[in-house]
Amino acid sequence: MSNVALVTGGTRGIGRAISEELKSHGYTVVANYAGNDDAANTFKKETGIDVVKFDVGDFDACQAAVAAISASHGPVEVLVNNAGITRDKPLHKMDKASWDAVISTNLDSLFNLSRSVIDGMRERNFGRIISISSINGQKGQFGQTNYSAAKAGLIGFTKALALETAAKGITVNAVAPGYIATEMVMAVPQDILDTKIIPHIPVGRLGEAHEIARCVSFLASDDAGFITGSTLTVNGGQHMH
């Protein structure tokens, strides 16, 4: 096997932790990014992980990128759908562009990339597709009808594709993080973190990106071959279902 892993949104935050964790387990990792060339080039220098720039919401761009990765590194064995954006507003104030942008990046990307790798995985009778959902796709969140819809849709997509591919040695799973200490979360004012967020997390702290990354590396491993269609919830007990 080629042991090639493609991680979307793989140069920052949770995605960076996933890329580094998979590399530490011997995968040849390629990290996708959307627009920040400086951050991506710094990431590449620091980690030695190849980066590739394309829009995960663009089907043709995804197909071209997967073909190029397969040609240069080998077929993609592990796909981690991590790329995600937010455009938060209550629905009565949300414009169509904010809805479309989040659905394109967070949900359309699942089809675009999974469709680009699925034929090869079926031919080889092996594959791992792991997608990053969110606690807010499980319980909802004020101001996030677009984001919550996309992250909930991801879970439905995961279950359906898992059924389609189980007999072909391909597992399809989701990881649903709670509040993780990434740049995005740490940009929230400290008093909001201390009074509105952390008190609702039973373990009493934010999660760490590496804790999500370890879940992904487990689901990618041979040890997880009997797990498919599952959502691994990693939120410190904030939401249980």
C-alpha atoms as a PDB file:
ATOM      1  CA  MET A   1       0.000   0.000   0.000  1.00  0.00           C
ATOM      2  CA  SER A   2       1.067   3.569  -0.654  1.00  0.00           C
ATOM      3  CA  ASN A   3       0.030   4.936   2.763  1.00  0.00           C
ATOM      4  CA  VAL A   4      -0.852   8.318   1.266  1.00  0.00           C
ATOM      5  CA  ALA A   5      -3.138  10.513   3.367  1.00  0.00           C
ATOM      6  CA  LEU A   6      -4.805  13.693   2.103  1.00  0.00           C
ATOM      7  CA  VAL A   7      -5.898  16.107   4.833  1.00  0.00           C
ATOM      8  CA  THR A   8      -8.042  19.046   3.759  1.00  0.00           C
ATOM      9  CA  GLY A   9      -7.525  22.248   5.684  1.00  0.00           C
ATOM     10  CA  GLY A  10      -4.431  20.430   6.839  1.00  0.00           C
ATOM     11  CA  THR A  11      -1.971  23.230   7.585  1.00  0.00           C
ATOM     12  CA  ARG A  12      -3.594  24.980  10.569  1.00  0.00           C
ATOM     13  CA  GLY A  13      -5.452  24.168  13.766  1.00  0.00           C
ATOM     14  CA  ILE A  14      -6.957  20.706  14.049  1.00  0.00           C
ATOM     15  CA  GLY A  15      -5.937  19.944  10.466  1.00  0.00           C
ATOM     16  CA  ARG A  16      -2.283  20.627  11.215  1.00  0.00           C
ATOM     17  CA  ALA A  17      -2.406  18.347  14.236  1.00  0.00           C
ATOM     18  CA  ILE A  18      -3.971  15.597  12.097  1.00  0.00           C
ATOM     19  CA  SER A  19      -1.331  16.012   9.380  1.00  0.00           C
ATOM     20  CA  GLU A  20       1.505  15.803  11.896  1.00  0.00           C
ATOM     21  CA  GLU A  21      -0.034  12.850  13.733  1.00  0.00           C
ATOM     22  CA  LEU A  22      -0.520  10.830  10.543  1.00  0.00           C
ATOM     23  CA  LYS A  23       3.031  11.599   9.446  1.00  0.00           C
ATOM     24  CA  SER A  24       4.299  10.336  12.808  1.00  0.00           C
ATOM     25  CA  HIS A  25       2.547   7.028  12.069  1.00  0.00           C
ATOM     26  CA  GLY A  26       4.349   6.623   8.765  1.00  0.00           C
ATOM     27  CA  TYR A  27       1.850   8.056   6.304  1.00  0.00           C
ATOM     28  CA  THR A  28       2.923  10.158   3.362  1.00  0.00           C
ATOM     29  CA  VAL A  29       0.762  13.188   4.110  1.00  0.00           C
ATOM     30  CA  VAL A  30      -0.401  15.859   1.680  1.00  0.00           C
ATOM     31  CA  ALA A  31      -2.077  18.859   3.303  1.00  0.00           C
ATOM     32  CA  ASN A  32      -4.599  20.906   1.366  1.00  0.00           C
ATOM     33  CA  TYR A  33      -5.093  24.587   2.040  1.00  0.00           C
ATOM     34  CA  ALA A  34      -7.344  27.264   0.621  1.00  0.00           C
ATOM     35  CA  GLY A  35      -5.598  30.614   0.471  1.00  0.00           C
ATOM     36  CA  ASN A  36      -2.939  31.499   3.035  1.00  0.00           C
ATOM     37  CA  ASP A  37       0.264  30.860   1.077  1.00  0.00           C
ATOM     38  CA  ASP A  38       2.586  32.215   3.767  1.00  0.00           C
ATOM     39  CA  ALA A  39       1.097  30.017   6.493  1.00  0.00           C
ATOM     40  CA  ALA A  40       1.178  26.981   4.185  1.00  0.00           C
ATOM     41  CA  ASN A  41       4.808  27.523   3.202  1.00  0.00           C
ATOM     42  CA  THR A  42       5.787  27.965   6.864  1.00  0.00           C
ATOM     43  CA  PHE A  43       3.941  24.753   7.715  1.00  0.00           C
ATOM     44  CA  LYS A  44       5.768  22.903   4.932  1.00  0.00           C
ATOM     45  CA  LYS A  45       9.175  24.127   6.138  1.00  0.00           C
ATOM     46  CA  GLU A  46       8.417  23.230   9.757  1.00  0.00           C
ATOM     47  CA  THR A  47       6.935  19.788   9.137  1.00  0.00           C
ATOM     48  CA  GLY A  48       8.316  18.553   5.820  1.00  0.00           C
ATOM     49  CA  ILE A  49       4.748  17.805   4.734  1.00  0.00           C
ATOM     50  CA  ASP A  50       3.768  18.624   1.149  1.00  0.00           C
ATOM     51  CA  VAL A  51       1.027  21.187   0.649  1.00  0.00           C
ATOM     52  CA  VAL A  52      -1.415  21.609  -2.215  1.00  0.00           C
ATOM     53  CA  LYS A  53      -3.684  24.592  -2.806  1.00  0.00           C
ATOM     54  CA  PHE A  54      -7.183  24.063  -4.175  1.00  0.00           C
ATOM     55  CA  ASP A  55     -10.801  24.906  -3.419  1.00  0.00           C
ATOM     56  CA  VAL A  56     -12.481  21.891  -1.804  1.00  0.00           C
ATOM     57  CA  GLY A  57     -15.838  23.280  -2.938  1.00  0.00           C
ATOM     58  CA  ASP A  58     -14.816  22.989  -6.619  1.00  0.00           C
ATOM     59  CA  PHE A  59     -15.409  19.481  -7.982  1.00  0.00           C
ATOM     60  CA  ASP A  60     -13.065  19.799 -10.964  1.00  0.00           C
ATOM     61  CA  ALA A  61     -10.283  21.227  -8.781  1.00  0.00           C
ATOM     62  CA  CYS A  62     -10.661  18.312  -6.357  1.00  0.00           C
ATOM     63  CA  GLN A  63     -10.493  15.730  -9.125  1.00  0.00           C
ATOM     64  CA  ALA A  64      -7.406  17.382 -10.626  1.00  0.00           C
ATOM     65  CA  ALA A  65      -5.684  17.595  -7.233  1.00  0.00           C
ATOM     66  CA  VAL A  66      -6.338  13.955  -6.361  1.00  0.00           C
ATOM     67  CA  ALA A  67      -5.044  12.885  -9.789  1.00  0.00           C
ATOM     68  CA  ALA A  68      -1.886  14.954  -9.323  1.00  0.00           C
ATOM     69  CA  ILE A  69      -1.302  13.589  -5.795  1.00  0.00           C
ATOM     70  CA  SER A  70      -1.815  10.033  -7.015  1.00  0.00           C
ATOM     71  CA  ALA A  71       0.662  10.581  -9.840  1.00  0.00           C
ATOM     72  CA  SER A  72       3.367  12.075  -7.609  1.00  0.00           C
ATOM     73  CA  HIS A  73       2.922  10.169  -4.334  1.00  0.00           C
ATOM     74  CA  GLY A  74       0.680   7.178  -5.029  1.00  0.00           C
ATOM     75  CA  PRO A  75      -3.040   6.583  -4.614  1.00  0.00           C
ATOM     76  CA  VAL A  76      -4.842   8.288  -1.731  1.00  0.00           C
ATOM     77  CA  GLU A  77      -5.543   5.627   0.892  1.00  0.00           C
ATOM     78  CA  VAL A  78      -6.744   7.899   3.673  1.00  0.00           C
ATOM     79  CA  LEU A  79      -8.935  10.952   3.074  1.00  0.00           C
ATOM     80  CA  VAL A  80      -9.518  13.306   5.983  1.00  0.00           C
ATOM     81  CA  ASN A  81     -12.255  15.843   5.252  1.00  0.00           C
ATOM     82  CA  ASN A  82     -11.319  18.548   7.736  1.00  0.00           C
ATOM     83  CA  ALA A  83     -11.664  21.821   5.809  1.00  0.00           C
ATOM     84  CA  GLY A  84     -14.313  24.065   7.267  1.00  0.00           C
ATOM     85  CA  ILE A  85     -15.320  27.705   7.565  1.00  0.00           C
ATOM     86  CA  THR A  86     -17.883  29.682   9.529  1.00  0.00           C
ATOM     87  CA  ARG A  87     -20.073  32.600   8.457  1.00  0.00           C
ATOM     88  CA  ASP A  88     -22.148  33.099  11.577  1.00  0.00           C
ATOM     89  CA  LYS A  89     -25.408  35.058  11.642  1.00  0.00           C
ATOM     90  CA  PRO A  90     -28.945  34.346  12.843  1.00  0.00           C
ATOM     91  CA  LEU A  91     -31.023  33.076   9.934  1.00  0.00           C
ATOM     92  CA  HIS A  92     -33.129  36.250   9.755  1.00  0.00           C
ATOM     93  CA  LYS A  93     -29.925  38.204   9.100  1.00  0.00           C
ATOM     94  CA  MET A  94     -28.063  35.613   6.994  1.00  0.00           C
ATOM     95  CA  ASP A  95     -27.438  36.361   3.325  1.00  0.00           C
ATOM     96  CA  LYS A  96     -27.376  33.702   0.637  1.00  0.00           C
ATOM     97  CA  ALA A  97     -23.629  34.121   0.121  1.00  0.00           C
ATOM     98  CA  SER A  98     -22.950  33.167   3.766  1.00  0.00           C
ATOM     99  CA  TRP A  99     -25.117  30.070   3.401  1.00  0.00           C
ATOM    100  CA  ASP A 100     -23.558  29.033   0.088  1.00  0.00           C
ATOM    101  CA  ALA A 101     -19.958  29.525   1.228  1.00  0.00           C
ATOM    102  CA  VAL A 102     -20.350  27.320   4.301  1.00  0.00           C
ATOM    103  CA  ILE A 103     -22.304  24.587   2.498  1.00  0.00           C
ATOM    104  CA  SER A 104     -19.758  24.556  -0.339  1.00  0.00           C
ATOM    105  CA  THR A 105     -16.659  24.284   1.842  1.00  0.00           C
ATOM    106  CA  ASN A 106     -18.081  22.167   4.660  1.00  0.00           C
ATOM    107  CA  LEU A 107     -20.508  19.841   2.862  1.00  0.00           C
ATOM    108  CA  ASP A 108     -20.081  19.892  -0.926  1.00  0.00           C
ATOM    109  CA  SER A 109     -16.410  19.125  -0.298  1.00  0.00           C
ATOM    110  CA  LEU A 110     -17.360  15.705   1.073  1.00  0.00           C
ATOM    111  CA  PHE A 111     -18.877  14.699  -2.232  1.00  0.00           C
ATOM    112  CA  ASN A 112     -16.149  16.358  -4.291  1.00  0.00           C
ATOM    113  CA  LEU A 113     -13.248  14.613  -2.559  1.00  0.00           C
ATOM    114  CA  SER A 114     -14.876  11.301  -1.683  1.00  0.00           C
ATOM    115  CA  ARG A 115     -16.039  10.937  -5.278  1.00  0.00           C
ATOM    116  CA  SER A 116     -12.493  11.659  -6.432  1.00  0.00           C
ATOM    117  CA  VAL A 117     -10.954   8.856  -4.343  1.00  0.00           C
ATOM    118  CA  ILE A 118     -13.736   6.256  -4.112  1.00  0.00           C
ATOM    119  CA  ASP A 119     -13.137   4.440  -7.404  1.00  0.00           C
ATOM    120  CA  GLY A 120      -9.494   3.796  -6.550  1.00  0.00           C
ATOM    121  CA  MET A 121     -10.345   2.665  -3.043  1.00  0.00           C
ATOM    122  CA  ARG A 122     -12.932   0.235  -4.387  1.00  0.00           C
ATOM    123  CA  GLU A 123     -10.454  -1.172  -6.898  1.00  0.00           C
ATOM    124  CA  ARG A 124      -7.846  -1.720  -4.163  1.00  0.00           C
ATOM    125  CA  ASN A 125     -10.412  -3.035  -1.643  1.00  0.00           C
ATOM    126  CA  PHE A 126      -9.120  -0.669   0.990  1.00  0.00           C
ATOM    127  CA  GLY A 127      -9.675   2.898   2.107  1.00  0.00           C
ATOM    128  CA  ARG A 128     -10.312   5.202   5.016  1.00  0.00           C
ATOM    129  CA  ILE A 129     -12.552   8.263   4.800  1.00  0.00           C
ATOM    130  CA  ILE A 130     -12.688  10.279   8.015  1.00  0.00           C
ATOM    131  CA  SER A 131     -14.632  13.522   8.195  1.00  0.00           C
ATOM    132  CA  ILE A 132     -14.560  16.170  10.914  1.00  0.00           C
ATOM    133  CA  SER A 133     -18.035  17.130  12.100  1.00  0.00           C
ATOM    134  CA  SER A 134     -18.745  19.273  15.175  1.00  0.00           C
ATOM    135  CA  ILE A 135     -20.662  19.323  18.428  1.00  0.00           C
ATOM    136  CA  ASN A 136     -22.743  22.042  16.772  1.00  0.00           C
ATOM    137  CA  GLY A 137     -23.818  19.601  14.067  1.00  0.00           C
ATOM    138  CA  GLN A 138     -25.137  17.357  16.841  1.00  0.00           C
ATOM    139  CA  LYS A 139     -26.879  19.852  19.119  1.00  0.00           C
ATOM    140  CA  GLY A 140     -27.228  23.012  16.999  1.00  0.00           C
ATOM    141  CA  GLN A 141     -25.850  26.458  17.787  1.00  0.00           C
ATOM    142  CA  PHE A 142     -27.327  29.954  17.740  1.00  0.00           C
ATOM    143  CA  GLY A 143     -26.199  31.824  14.635  1.00  0.00           C
ATOM    144  CA  GLN A 144     -25.012  28.694  12.861  1.00  0.00           C
ATOM    145  CA  THR A 145     -27.884  27.301  10.797  1.00  0.00           C
ATOM    146  CA  ASN A 146     -25.473  27.026   7.868  1.00  0.00           C
ATOM    147  CA  TYR A 147     -22.604  25.452   9.824  1.00  0.00           C
ATOM    148  CA  SER A 148     -24.822  23.157  11.911  1.00  0.00           C
ATOM    149  CA  ALA A 149     -26.662  21.984   8.788  1.00  0.00           C
ATOM    150  CA  ALA A 150     -23.384  21.183   7.028  1.00  0.00           C
ATOM    151  CA  LYS A 151     -21.885  19.363  10.006  1.00  0.00           C
ATOM    152  CA  ALA A 152     -25.083  17.365  10.593  1.00  0.00           C
ATOM    153  CA  GLY A 153     -25.242  16.551   6.891  1.00  0.00           C
ATOM    154  CA  LEU A 154     -21.688  15.248   7.142  1.00  0.00           C
ATOM    155  CA  ILE A 155     -22.839  12.634   9.656  1.00  0.00           C
ATOM    156  CA  GLY A 156     -25.644  11.449   7.368  1.00  0.00           C
ATOM    157  CA  PHE A 157     -23.239  11.311   4.428  1.00  0.00           C
ATOM    158  CA  THR A 158     -20.839   9.233   6.535  1.00  0.00           C
ATOM    159  CA  LYS A 159     -23.486   6.668   7.473  1.00  0.00           C
ATOM    160  CA  ALA A 160     -24.765   6.243   3.923  1.00  0.00           C
ATOM    161  CA  LEU A 161     -21.310   5.944   2.335  1.00  0.00           C
ATOM    162  CA  ALA A 162     -20.257   3.502   5.058  1.00  0.00           C
ATOM    163  CA  LEU A 163     -23.085   1.180   4.007  1.00  0.00           C
ATOM    164  CA  GLU A 164     -22.104   1.436   0.357  1.00  0.00           C
ATOM    165  CA  THR A 165     -18.419   0.676   0.905  1.00  0.00           C
ATOM    166  CA  ALA A 166     -18.292  -1.756   3.846  1.00  0.00           C
ATOM    167  CA  ALA A 167     -18.019  -4.841   1.641  1.00  0.00           C
ATOM    168  CA  LYS A 168     -15.077  -3.245  -0.195  1.00  0.00           C
ATOM    169  CA  GLY A 169     -12.783  -2.877   2.807  1.00  0.00           C
ATOM    170  CA  ILE A 170     -13.430   0.853   3.037  1.00  0.00           C
ATOM    171  CA  THR A 171     -14.443   2.410   6.356  1.00  0.00           C
ATOM    172  CA  VAL A 172     -16.169   5.777   6.598  1.00  0.00           C
ATOM    173  CA  ASN A 173     -16.363   7.538   9.949  1.00  0.00           C
ATOM    174  CA  ALA A 174     -16.778  10.960  11.514  1.00  0.00           C
ATOM    175  CA  VAL A 175     -15.189  12.714  14.459  1.00  0.00           C
ATOM    176  CA  ALA A 176     -17.246  15.407  16.195  1.00  0.00           C
ATOM    177  CA  PRO A 177     -15.048  17.732  18.272  1.00  0.00           C
ATOM    178  CA  GLY A 178     -16.333  20.036  20.942  1.00  0.00           C
ATOM    179  CA  TYR A 179     -14.528  23.261  21.789  1.00  0.00           C
ATOM    180  CA  ILE A 180     -10.843  22.816  20.935  1.00  0.00           C
ATOM    181  CA  ALA A 181      -8.076  25.306  21.778  1.00  0.00           C
ATOM    182  CA  THR A 182      -7.373  26.364  18.194  1.00  0.00           C
ATOM    183  CA  GLU A 183      -6.690  29.897  16.928  1.00  0.00           C
ATOM    184  CA  MET A 184     -10.378  30.287  16.108  1.00  0.00           C
ATOM    185  CA  VAL A 185     -11.578  29.366  19.596  1.00  0.00           C
ATOM    186  CA  MET A 186      -8.784  31.201  21.401  1.00  0.00           C
ATOM    187  CA  ALA A 187      -9.819  34.374  19.542  1.00  0.00           C
ATOM    188  CA  VAL A 188     -13.008  34.325  21.633  1.00  0.00           C
ATOM    189  CA  PRO A 189     -12.685  36.872  24.489  1.00  0.00           C
ATOM    190  CA  GLN A 190     -11.335  35.240  27.639  1.00  0.00           C
ATOM    191  CA  ASP A 191     -14.308  36.289  29.749  1.00  0.00           C
ATOM    192  CA  ILE A 192     -16.666  34.556  27.289  1.00  0.00           C
ATOM    193  CA  LEU A 193     -14.547  31.403  27.435  1.00  0.00           C
ATOM    194  CA  ASP A 194     -14.482  31.518  31.228  1.00  0.00           C
ATOM    195  CA  THR A 195     -18.174  32.267  31.787  1.00  0.00           C
ATOM    196  CA  LYS A 196     -20.075  30.931  28.765  1.00  0.00           C
ATOM    197  CA  ILE A 197     -18.099  28.011  27.309  1.00  0.00           C
ATOM    198  CA  ILE A 198     -15.798  26.211  29.766  1.00  0.00           C
ATOM    199  CA  PRO A 199     -18.441  25.983  32.561  1.00  0.00           C
ATOM    200  CA  HIS A 200     -20.546  23.870  30.148  1.00  0.00           C
ATOM    201  CA  ILE A 201     -17.712  21.373  29.574  1.00  0.00           C
ATOM    202  CA  PRO A 202     -17.821  18.761  32.366  1.00  0.00           C
ATOM    203  CA  VAL A 203     -14.091  18.003  32.212  1.00  0.00           C
ATOM    204  CA  GLY A 204     -13.494  21.709  32.856  1.00  0.00           C
ATOM    205  CA  ARG A 205     -11.220  22.640  29.982  1.00  0.00           C
ATOM    206  CA  LEU A 206     -10.970  23.092  26.250  1.00  0.00           C
ATOM    207  CA  GLY A 207      -9.825  20.154  24.167  1.00  0.00           C
ATOM    208  CA  GLU A 208      -6.446  20.040  22.451  1.00  0.00           C
ATOM    209  CA  ALA A 209      -5.980  19.604  18.711  1.00  0.00           C
ATOM    210  CA  HIS A 210      -3.755  16.560  19.229  1.00  0.00           C
ATOM    211  CA  GLU A 211      -6.636  14.823  21.033  1.00  0.00           C
ATOM    212  CA  ILE A 212      -8.697  15.025  17.844  1.00  0.00           C
ATOM    213  CA  ALA A 213      -5.708  14.002  15.732  1.00  0.00           C
ATOM    214  CA  ARG A 214      -5.221  10.812  17.739  1.00  0.00           C
ATOM    215  CA  CYS A 215      -8.842   9.854  17.127  1.00  0.00           C
ATOM    216  CA  VAL A 216      -8.300  10.304  13.395  1.00  0.00           C
ATOM    217  CA  SER A 217      -5.105   8.258  13.373  1.00  0.00           C
ATOM    218  CA  PHE A 218      -6.890   5.446  15.221  1.00  0.00           C
ATOM    219  CA  LEU A 219      -9.779   5.413  12.741  1.00  0.00           C
ATOM    220  CA  ALA A 220      -7.255   5.367   9.888  1.00  0.00           C
ATOM    221  CA  SER A 221      -5.433   2.359  11.335  1.00  0.00           C
ATOM    222  CA  ASP A 222      -5.926  -1.336  10.687  1.00  0.00           C
ATOM    223  CA  ASP A 223      -7.073  -1.645  14.313  1.00  0.00           C
ATOM    224  CA  ALA A 224     -10.248   0.245  13.400  1.00  0.00           C
ATOM    225  CA  GLY A 225     -11.229  -2.028  10.524  1.00  0.00           C
ATOM    226  CA  PHE A 226     -14.483  -3.108  12.208  1.00  0.00           C
ATOM    227  CA  ILE A 227     -15.599   0.483  12.865  1.00  0.00           C
ATOM    228  CA  THR A 228     -17.595   2.142  10.099  1.00  0.00           C
ATOM    229  CA  GLY A 229     -20.510   4.539   9.943  1.00  0.00           C
ATOM    230  CA  SER A 230     -19.640   5.775  13.420  1.00  0.00           C
ATOM    231  CA  THR A 231     -19.330   9.252  14.895  1.00  0.00           C
ATOM    232  CA  LEU A 232     -16.647   9.543  17.545  1.00  0.00           C
ATOM    233  CA  THR A 233     -17.739  12.372  19.835  1.00  0.00           C
ATOM    234  CA  VAL A 234     -14.854  14.207  21.514  1.00  0.00           C
ATOM    235  CA  ASN A 235     -16.206  17.078  23.551  1.00  0.00           C
ATOM    236  CA  GLY A 236     -15.308  16.591  27.223  1.00  0.00           C
ATOM    237  CA  GLY A 237     -18.839  15.511  28.049  1.00  0.00           C
ATOM    238  CA  GLN A 238     -20.470  18.730  26.871  1.00  0.00           C
ATOM    239  CA  HIS A 239     -23.005  16.908  24.719  1.00  0.00           C
ATOM    240  CA  MET A 240     -23.873  13.224  25.052  1.00  0.00           C
ATOM    241  CA  HIS A 241     -26.270  11.305  22.862  1.00  0.00           C
END
